[in-house]
Amino acid sequence: MASDRDLNVAVVRAWRSTGHPCRSGWEMLAATGVRGLRLVHEAGPFARFDLTERDPTSAELLARNAGRFVGEGARAARADAVARAPSGLAEYVDLDPYGTPLPFLDAAFRGLAPGGLLAVTATDMRVLAGVDRDVAERRYGGRPVRGRLGPEGGLRLLLAELQRRATARGARIHPRLAYVGSHHVRAYLTLEPADRRRAPPPVAEIDPATWTGPPLPGTGPLGPFWLGPLLDGSLMAALTVPPNAAEPKAVARTIEILREEAEVDRPFYYESNSIAEGLSLARPPSVDAFRRELASGGFRTVRTQARAGAFRTDAPVDAVRAAARRLGA
């Protein structure tokens, strides 16, 4: 998780650099404090940054660790994350549980200051990625995607649930960075007042039989999913490798791909292997070959952080298949 926390530091630093105040923070499930204290030390300064933990053993260690950073705003407290934020509203709230974040979301929304940045992690990937489909439907209110696209489907299920919670509060979400990690999904987002004059939030079901994007397995409706953007281009442009990054090369590569991906921020991605298999091609074309072939038809193609070797494109599926046939001829 070191590179994931590197990216966390990069996001908060970029958020500040684009003119957003971030003077107060709350890490709801701090454990020993490694994530929050890195933010305090590397992305600060904070006037105050609350770190809460209910488990007594972890809370004791958290207090000792936070004691080294009191001068930088760190405040440790033994507290339940479903309660109110210890020091009032925070301009940055981080919810990073073991498993689903759903039991803590209402407290996170209550604790977020207007215009603040909320970070939410989910690690119940068996559920979100469709292995435990029945649990996903009960827990997240949607039918998940199975197979290689399952993790991104899980991210979009989570965002759809976040939008449902926001709607109940008269708000809509604005994902600033939402991505698939190694064994988790994570989203940084803001809340905005709902406006009836705007189009409704982009949450909808997908029918695999009529879907014109990357083929999805199964029959009948999937989702509902968040089908809007996952990335804020201005925030991606402001991301830089933190000076104290634990894995600078890894986070630099992630930032490079995220900036590219923001240019074609479409739901789901293609893989050459899957396309070639579906068309019975002798061998899969390379991503670079796809990029050149689709560009000749006026389409854009970019790499994706969600899976190595995969790509996103604004070309419809028929154009992608036609390109693959030409390349495989």
Protein backbone atom coordinates (compact mmCIF):
# COMPACT_ATOMS: atom_id res chain seq x y z
CA MET A 1 0.00 0.00 0.00
CA ALA A 2 3.02 2.33 0.07
CA SER A 3 2.50 3.54 -3.50
CA ASP A 4 -1.23 3.98 -2.82
CA ARG A 5 -0.40 6.25 0.12
CA ASP A 6 2.14 8.05 -2.09
CA LEU A 7 -0.73 8.80 -4.46
CA ASN A 8 -2.85 9.94 -1.51
CA VAL A 9 -0.19 12.50 -0.59
CA ALA A 10 0.04 13.57 -4.23
CA VAL A 11 -3.73 14.08 -4.45
CA VAL A 12 -3.95 16.26 -1.34
CA ARG A 13 -0.95 18.32 -2.44
CA ALA A 14 -2.52 18.79 -5.90
CA TRP A 15 -5.92 19.61 -4.40
CA ARG A 16 -4.33 22.43 -2.42
CA SER A 17 -2.30 23.66 -5.39
CA THR A 18 -5.49 24.08 -7.45
CA GLY A 19 -6.90 26.55 -4.92
CA HIS A 20 -8.96 24.34 -2.61
CA PRO A 21 -8.59 24.89 1.15
CA CYS A 22 -7.53 21.86 3.12
CA ARG A 23 -6.79 23.10 6.62
CA SER A 24 -8.58 20.37 8.56
CA GLY A 25 -8.76 16.60 8.20
CA TRP A 26 -10.29 13.49 9.71
CA GLU A 27 -9.09 9.92 9.19
CA MET A 28 -12.06 7.95 10.42
CA LEU A 29 -10.50 4.49 10.80
CA ALA A 30 -6.91 5.38 11.49
CA ALA A 31 -5.58 2.09 12.94
CA THR A 32 -1.92 2.92 13.71
CA GLY A 33 -2.15 6.16 11.72
CA VAL A 34 0.23 5.45 8.87
CA ARG A 35 -1.98 6.96 6.13
CA GLY A 36 -3.14 10.03 8.03
CA LEU A 37 0.22 10.83 9.56
CA ARG A 38 1.90 10.70 6.19
CA LEU A 39 -0.63 13.27 5.00
CA VAL A 40 0.01 15.45 8.03
CA HIS A 41 3.77 15.33 7.55
CA GLU A 42 4.03 15.29 3.75
CA ALA A 43 0.92 17.09 2.48
CA GLY A 44 0.40 19.57 5.33
CA PRO A 45 0.32 21.86 7.07
CA PHE A 46 -3.04 21.24 8.74
CA ALA A 47 -4.48 23.40 11.48
CA ARG A 48 -5.91 20.15 12.85
CA PHE A 49 -6.07 16.57 11.64
CA ASP A 50 -8.13 14.14 13.73
CA LEU A 51 -7.26 10.46 13.70
CA THR A 52 -9.83 8.19 15.34
CA GLU A 53 -9.71 4.50 16.20
CA ARG A 54 -12.11 2.44 18.31
CA ASP A 55 -9.94 -0.60 19.03
CA PRO A 56 -8.16 0.05 22.36
CA THR A 57 -4.84 -1.56 21.43
CA SER A 58 -4.64 0.25 18.10
CA ALA A 59 -5.81 3.50 19.70
CA GLU A 60 -2.97 3.32 22.22
CA LEU A 61 -0.38 2.86 19.48
CA LEU A 62 -2.06 5.54 17.38
CA ALA A 63 -1.76 8.04 20.23
CA ARG A 64 1.95 7.34 20.55
CA ASN A 65 2.52 7.71 16.81
CA ALA A 66 0.44 10.88 16.54
CA GLY A 67 2.34 12.39 19.46
CA ARG A 68 5.32 12.86 17.16
CA PHE A 69 3.25 15.12 14.89
CA VAL A 70 1.24 17.22 17.33
CA GLY A 71 3.07 20.30 16.11
CA GLU A 72 1.81 19.58 12.59
CA GLY A 73 -1.83 19.34 13.64
CA ALA A 74 -2.23 15.62 14.45
CA ARG A 75 -4.82 14.77 17.13
CA ALA A 76 -5.46 11.14 18.06
CA ALA A 77 -8.62 10.02 19.84
CA ARG A 78 -10.23 6.71 20.74
CA ALA A 79 -13.64 7.07 19.11
CA ASP A 80 -16.21 5.26 16.99
CA ALA A 81 -16.18 6.30 13.34
CA VAL A 82 -19.97 6.23 13.11
CA ALA A 83 -20.12 9.14 15.55
CA ARG A 84 -19.56 12.79 14.74
CA ALA A 85 -16.15 14.10 13.76
CA PRO A 86 -14.26 14.89 16.97
CA SER A 87 -13.52 18.54 16.14
CA GLY A 88 -16.36 19.45 13.82
CA LEU A 89 -16.46 19.54 10.03
CA ALA A 90 -13.27 18.71 8.13
CA GLU A 91 -12.16 19.82 4.70
CA TYR A 92 -10.62 16.41 4.06
CA VAL A 93 -12.24 13.17 5.27
CA ASP A 94 -10.66 9.75 4.72
CA LEU A 95 -12.64 6.51 5.04
CA ASP A 96 -10.39 3.48 4.57
CA PRO A 97 -12.03 0.42 6.19
CA TYR A 98 -11.32 -3.27 6.10
CA GLY A 99 -14.17 -4.43 3.88
CA THR A 100 -17.13 -2.27 2.91
CA PRO A 101 -17.30 1.44 3.74
CA LEU A 102 -21.11 1.49 3.79
CA PRO A 103 -21.64 1.49 7.60
CA PHE A 104 -19.50 4.64 7.88
CA LEU A 105 -20.67 6.65 4.87
CA ASP A 106 -23.35 8.68 6.61
CA ALA A 107 -20.84 9.78 9.26
CA ALA A 108 -18.36 10.65 6.53
CA PHE A 109 -20.92 12.83 4.74
CA ARG A 110 -21.90 14.51 8.02
CA GLY A 111 -18.27 15.24 8.83
CA LEU A 112 -17.33 16.74 5.46
CA ALA A 113 -17.18 20.51 5.23
CA PRO A 114 -18.85 22.20 2.21
CA GLY A 115 -16.48 21.99 -0.74
CA GLY A 116 -14.34 19.43 1.06
CA LEU A 117 -12.64 16.36 -0.40
CA LEU A 118 -13.85 12.90 0.63
CA ALA A 119 -11.73 9.76 0.09
CA VAL A 120 -13.50 6.38 0.25
CA THR A 121 -11.93 2.92 -0.04
CA ALA A 122 -13.63 -0.46 -0.38
CA THR A 123 -11.75 -3.75 0.00
CA ASP A 124 -14.65 -6.20 -0.26
CA MET A 125 -13.64 -7.06 -3.79
CA ARG A 126 -15.18 -10.54 -3.88
CA VAL A 127 -18.50 -8.76 -3.52
CA LEU A 128 -17.89 -5.75 -5.75
CA ALA A 129 -16.22 -7.74 -8.53
CA GLY A 130 -19.08 -10.21 -8.80
CA VAL A 131 -17.79 -13.37 -7.10
CA ASP A 132 -20.46 -13.00 -4.39
CA ARG A 133 -23.14 -11.58 -6.66
CA ASP A 134 -26.07 -12.03 -4.27
CA VAL A 135 -24.21 -10.15 -1.54
CA ALA A 136 -23.40 -7.35 -3.99
CA GLU A 137 -27.06 -6.96 -4.87
CA ARG A 138 -28.07 -6.83 -1.20
CA ARG A 139 -25.22 -4.61 -0.09
CA TYR A 140 -24.78 -2.21 -2.99
CA GLY A 141 -28.19 -2.46 -4.66
CA GLY A 142 -26.85 -3.51 -8.04
CA ARG A 143 -25.86 -6.51 -10.11
CA PRO A 144 -22.07 -6.65 -10.51
CA VAL A 145 -19.89 -7.47 -13.51
CA ARG A 146 -18.02 -10.75 -13.39
CA GLY A 147 -14.66 -11.51 -14.95
CA ARG A 148 -11.81 -9.19 -15.89
CA LEU A 149 -13.98 -6.07 -15.91
CA GLY A 150 -15.33 -6.92 -12.46
CA PRO A 151 -13.06 -4.60 -10.43
CA GLU A 152 -14.02 -1.53 -12.48
CA GLY A 153 -17.64 -2.62 -12.30
CA GLY A 154 -17.22 -2.73 -8.52
CA LEU A 155 -15.82 0.78 -8.48
CA ARG A 156 -18.80 1.99 -10.49
CA LEU A 157 -21.21 0.14 -8.18
CA LEU A 158 -19.62 1.89 -5.20
CA LEU A 159 -19.90 5.29 -6.89
CA ALA A 160 -23.55 4.60 -7.71
CA GLU A 161 -24.19 3.89 -4.02
CA LEU A 162 -22.34 7.07 -3.06
CA GLN A 163 -24.60 8.99 -5.45
CA ARG A 164 -27.71 7.41 -3.89
CA ARG A 165 -26.54 8.53 -0.45
CA ALA A 166 -25.80 12.00 -1.81
CA THR A 167 -29.21 12.23 -3.48
CA ALA A 168 -30.85 11.60 -0.11
CA ARG A 169 -28.98 14.70 1.10
CA GLY A 170 -29.97 16.84 -1.86
CA ALA A 171 -26.52 16.59 -3.41
CA ARG A 172 -24.60 14.94 -6.24
CA ILE A 173 -21.11 13.52 -6.27
CA HIS A 174 -18.22 14.76 -8.39
CA PRO A 175 -15.47 12.12 -8.63
CA ARG A 176 -12.07 13.79 -8.83
CA LEU A 177 -10.06 10.55 -8.96
CA ALA A 178 -11.57 7.07 -8.75
CA TYR A 179 -9.47 4.04 -9.55
CA VAL A 180 -8.93 0.31 -9.20
CA GLY A 181 -6.11 -0.70 -6.86
CA SER A 182 -4.40 -4.04 -6.40
CA HIS A 183 -6.97 -5.43 -3.94
CA HIS A 184 -9.30 -2.48 -3.49
CA VAL A 185 -11.06 0.43 -5.17
CA ARG A 186 -10.70 4.02 -4.01
CA ALA A 187 -12.45 7.27 -4.87
CA TYR A 188 -11.72 10.93 -4.11
CA LEU A 189 -14.83 13.03 -4.59
CA THR A 190 -16.61 16.22 -3.68
CA LEU A 191 -20.31 16.84 -3.03
CA GLU A 192 -22.25 19.54 -4.86
CA PRO A 193 -25.80 20.80 -4.32
CA ALA A 194 -28.29 19.08 -6.59
CA ASP A 195 -29.59 21.29 -9.40
CA ARG A 196 -32.75 20.29 -11.26
CA ARG A 197 -31.69 22.38 -14.23
CA ARG A 198 -28.76 20.04 -14.84
CA ALA A 199 -28.95 16.56 -16.34
CA PRO A 200 -29.50 13.87 -13.69
CA PRO A 201 -26.44 12.08 -12.28
CA PRO A 202 -25.04 9.50 -14.74
CA VAL A 203 -26.20 6.38 -12.89
CA ALA A 204 -27.87 3.67 -14.96
CA GLU A 205 -28.15 -0.02 -15.67
CA ILE A 206 -26.42 -1.64 -18.66
CA ASP A 207 -27.99 -4.26 -20.90
CA PRO A 208 -25.05 -6.29 -22.29
CA ALA A 209 -27.10 -7.11 -25.41
CA THR A 210 -27.38 -3.45 -26.48
CA TRP A 211 -24.31 -1.94 -24.82
CA THR A 212 -21.97 -0.35 -27.40
CA GLY A 213 -18.88 -0.24 -25.20
CA PRO A 214 -16.48 -3.03 -24.24
CA PRO A 215 -18.43 -6.33 -24.14
CA LEU A 216 -19.79 -7.22 -20.70
CA PRO A 217 -20.51 -10.84 -19.73
CA GLY A 218 -23.91 -12.15 -18.78
CA THR A 219 -27.48 -11.40 -19.73
CA GLY A 220 -30.09 -9.05 -18.39
CA PRO A 221 -29.40 -5.69 -16.80
CA LEU A 222 -26.18 -5.11 -14.86
CA GLY A 223 -25.72 -2.36 -12.30
CA PRO A 224 -26.89 0.34 -11.86
CA PHE A 225 -23.41 1.82 -12.26
CA TRP A 226 -21.87 5.27 -12.18
CA LEU A 227 -21.28 5.83 -15.92
CA GLY A 228 -19.82 9.32 -15.65
CA PRO A 229 -16.17 10.37 -15.52
CA LEU A 230 -13.76 8.92 -12.98
CA LEU A 231 -11.08 11.58 -13.37
CA ASP A 232 -10.89 15.37 -13.07
CA GLY A 233 -8.47 16.51 -15.76
CA SER A 234 -7.38 19.65 -13.90
CA LEU A 235 -6.51 17.63 -10.80
CA MET A 236 -4.66 15.04 -12.89
CA ALA A 237 -2.62 17.82 -14.49
CA ALA A 238 -1.64 19.11 -11.04
CA LEU A 239 -0.46 15.74 -9.70
CA THR A 240 3.27 15.47 -9.01
CA VAL A 241 5.40 12.81 -7.34
CA PRO A 242 5.69 13.72 -3.63
CA PRO A 243 9.24 14.57 -2.50
CA ASN A 244 9.17 11.82 0.16
CA ALA A 245 7.47 9.15 -1.95
CA ALA A 246 8.20 5.61 -0.80
CA GLU A 247 7.93 4.29 -4.37
CA PRO A 248 8.56 7.28 -6.65
CA LYS A 249 8.85 5.31 -9.89
CA ALA A 250 5.57 3.50 -9.32
CA VAL A 251 3.63 6.65 -8.46
CA ALA A 252 5.21 8.54 -11.38
CA ARG A 253 4.00 5.85 -13.79
CA THR A 254 0.52 5.91 -12.24
CA ILE A 255 0.29 9.69 -12.60
CA GLU A 256 1.46 9.48 -16.22
CA ILE A 257 -1.25 6.96 -17.08
CA LEU A 258 -3.96 8.84 -15.17
CA ARG A 259 -3.22 12.02 -17.12
CA GLU A 260 -3.48 10.10 -20.38
CA GLU A 261 -6.61 8.26 -19.27
CA ALA A 262 -8.39 11.50 -18.37
CA GLU A 263 -8.47 12.32 -22.09
CA VAL A 264 -10.76 9.35 -22.86
CA ASP A 265 -12.66 8.84 -19.62
CA ARG A 266 -15.17 6.23 -20.82
CA PRO A 267 -16.75 3.33 -18.92
CA PHE A 268 -14.78 0.07 -19.10
CA TYR A 269 -11.80 -0.94 -21.19
CA TYR A 270 -10.67 -3.39 -23.87
CA GLU A 271 -7.96 -6.04 -23.79
CA SER A 272 -6.30 -7.29 -26.95
CA ASN A 273 -6.34 -10.89 -25.76
CA SER A 274 -10.09 -10.86 -25.18
CA ILE A 275 -10.78 -9.21 -28.55
CA ALA A 276 -8.57 -11.68 -30.41
CA GLU A 277 -10.17 -14.62 -28.65
CA GLY A 278 -13.67 -13.42 -29.46
CA LEU A 279 -12.77 -12.99 -33.13
CA SER A 280 -10.65 -16.17 -33.37
CA LEU A 281 -7.57 -14.19 -34.43
CA ALA A 282 -4.22 -15.97 -34.56
CA ARG A 283 -2.65 -13.48 -32.18
CA PRO A 284 -3.77 -10.29 -30.44
CA PRO A 285 -2.73 -6.95 -31.93
CA SER A 286 -0.63 -4.70 -29.72
CA VAL A 287 -2.11 -1.67 -27.98
CA ASP A 288 0.11 0.57 -30.12
CA ALA A 289 -1.26 -1.09 -33.27
CA PHE A 290 -4.81 -0.51 -32.05
CA ARG A 291 -3.95 3.11 -31.27
CA ARG A 292 -2.65 3.74 -34.80
CA GLU A 293 -5.48 1.87 -36.51
CA LEU A 294 -8.25 3.55 -34.53
CA ALA A 295 -6.58 6.96 -34.90
CA SER A 296 -6.82 6.57 -38.68
CA GLY A 297 -10.59 6.46 -38.21
CA GLY A 298 -10.62 9.55 -35.99
CA PHE A 299 -10.85 7.71 -32.64
CA ARG A 300 -8.74 8.22 -29.54
CA THR A 301 -7.11 5.37 -27.58
CA VAL A 302 -5.36 5.60 -24.20
CA ARG A 303 -3.87 3.29 -21.61
CA THR A 304 -5.74 2.67 -18.37
CA GLN A 305 -4.56 2.45 -14.80
CA ALA A 306 -7.18 -0.22 -14.13
CA ARG A 307 -5.30 -3.03 -15.88
CA ALA A 308 -1.86 -3.36 -17.46
CA GLY A 309 -2.02 -3.81 -21.22
CA ALA A 310 -5.64 -2.68 -21.50
CA PHE A 311 -6.91 0.44 -23.25
CA ARG A 312 -9.87 2.80 -23.38
CA THR A 313 -11.19 4.30 -26.57
CA ASP A 314 -14.04 6.49 -27.76
CA ALA A 315 -14.58 4.10 -30.66
CA PRO A 316 -17.75 1.97 -30.59
CA VAL A 317 -17.29 -1.77 -30.20
CA ASP A 318 -17.97 -2.46 -33.90
CA ALA A 319 -15.12 -0.12 -34.88
CA VAL A 320 -12.78 -1.84 -32.40
CA ARG A 321 -13.64 -5.28 -33.79
CA ALA A 322 -13.20 -4.07 -37.36
CA ALA A 323 -9.80 -2.65 -36.49
CA ALA A 324 -8.80 -5.95 -34.88
CA ARG A 325 -9.83 -7.90 -38.00
CA ARG A 326 -7.79 -5.61 -40.22
CA LEU A 327 -4.77 -5.92 -37.95
CA GLY A 328 -5.13 -9.67 -37.77
CA ALA A 329 -5.59 -10.19 -41.50
